[in-house]
Amino acid sequence: MSLNTFLKKIWNQIEVLFGGLPTEIKTALQIGITITENIKNFVDSPIADIFTSIIPGNIDDVIKDRLRATLPIFLTELKLVESSLQISS
């Protein structure tokens, strides 16, 4: 068995594994992407800056900064899973 054939068999098994996911999981993934995009859009908006400047203390600023740092990464990972499953919205 050649390496190419071996890799094709492994790839086919991965496609079978992910292609067999229940529709509920695929739907939840699409909803999760939409919700994450909306949260990211709000956190990146000037309104979030206004809210954090009005609220006393700095814990809200820390939360906002962490969300701004991690949401793009999380959203990219969700979209990568979506594209690997070939889900269309």
Protein backbone atom coordinates (compact mmCIF):
# COMPACT_ATOMS: atom_id res chain seq x y z
CA MET A 1 0.00 0.00 0.00
CA SER A 2 1.43 3.34 -1.01
CA LEU A 3 1.55 6.36 1.26
CA ASN A 4 -0.89 8.18 -1.01
CA THR A 5 -3.46 5.37 -0.73
CA PHE A 6 -2.98 5.21 3.03
CA LEU A 7 -3.55 8.96 3.40
CA LYS A 8 -6.64 8.83 1.18
CA LYS A 9 -8.12 6.10 3.37
CA ILE A 10 -7.47 8.13 6.50
CA TRP A 11 -9.01 11.23 4.90
CA ASN A 12 -12.10 9.24 3.83
CA GLN A 13 -12.57 8.00 7.39
CA ILE A 14 -12.31 11.58 8.70
CA GLU A 15 -14.95 12.70 6.18
CA VAL A 16 -17.24 9.85 7.24
CA LEU A 17 -16.76 10.78 10.90
CA PHE A 18 -17.57 14.46 10.43
CA GLY A 19 -20.16 13.94 7.72
CA GLY A 20 -22.17 11.77 10.06
CA LEU A 21 -22.75 14.49 12.63
CA PRO A 22 -26.39 14.97 13.56
CA THR A 23 -28.17 17.91 12.01
CA GLU A 24 -28.72 19.35 15.50
CA ILE A 25 -24.97 19.79 15.93
CA LYS A 26 -24.63 21.38 12.50
CA THR A 27 -27.49 23.76 13.29
CA ALA A 28 -26.00 24.58 16.70
CA LEU A 29 -22.68 25.34 15.01
CA GLN A 30 -24.33 27.79 12.62
CA ILE A 31 -26.20 29.46 15.49
CA GLY A 32 -22.98 29.63 17.52
CA ILE A 33 -21.20 31.36 14.66
CA THR A 34 -23.99 33.92 14.31
CA ILE A 35 -24.09 34.65 18.04
CA THR A 36 -20.30 34.91 18.25
CA GLU A 37 -20.21 37.29 15.29
CA ASN A 38 -22.86 39.49 16.91
CA ILE A 39 -21.02 39.58 20.24
CA LYS A 40 -17.75 40.38 18.45
CA ASN A 41 -19.42 43.20 16.50
CA PHE A 42 -20.79 44.69 19.73
CA VAL A 43 -17.50 44.36 21.64
CA ASP A 44 -15.62 45.99 18.75
CA SER A 45 -18.11 48.85 18.49
CA PRO A 46 -17.64 52.29 20.07
CA ILE A 47 -20.74 51.63 22.18
CA ALA A 48 -18.80 49.05 24.19
CA ASP A 49 -16.10 51.66 24.82
CA ILE A 50 -18.74 54.13 26.01
CA PHE A 51 -20.27 51.57 28.37
CA THR A 52 -16.90 50.64 29.84
CA SER A 53 -15.97 54.28 30.35
CA ILE A 54 -19.25 54.98 32.17
CA ILE A 55 -18.98 51.98 34.49
CA PRO A 56 -16.63 52.66 37.43
CA GLY A 57 -13.72 50.29 37.99
CA ASN A 58 -11.62 48.48 35.48
CA ILE A 59 -12.90 44.89 35.51
CA ASP A 60 -15.21 45.71 32.61
CA ASP A 61 -12.23 47.03 30.65
CA VAL A 62 -10.34 43.80 31.32
CA ILE A 63 -13.31 41.72 30.16
CA LYS A 64 -13.71 43.86 27.03
CA ASP A 65 -10.00 43.56 26.20
CA ARG A 66 -10.04 39.78 26.69
CA LEU A 67 -13.10 39.45 24.50
CA ARG A 68 -11.47 41.58 21.81
CA ALA A 69 -8.42 39.32 21.93
CA THR A 70 -10.13 35.93 22.04
CA LEU A 71 -13.35 36.29 20.04
CA PRO A 72 -11.61 36.58 16.64
CA ILE A 73 -9.65 33.40 17.35
CA PHE A 74 -12.75 31.55 18.52
CA LEU A 75 -14.75 32.76 15.52
CA THR A 76 -12.01 31.65 13.14
CA GLU A 77 -12.02 28.20 14.71
CA LEU A 78 -15.81 27.93 14.44
CA LYS A 79 -15.69 28.94 10.79
CA LEU A 80 -12.91 26.45 10.15
CA VAL A 81 -15.05 23.66 11.58
CA GLU A 82 -17.99 24.88 9.49
CA SER A 83 -15.93 24.90 6.30
CA SER A 84 -14.48 21.47 7.01
CA LEU A 85 -18.00 20.13 7.41
CA GLN A 86 -19.03 21.99 4.23
CA ILE A 87 -22.06 23.54 5.90
CA SER A 88 -23.74 26.32 4.02
CA SER A 89 -25.79 28.88 5.90
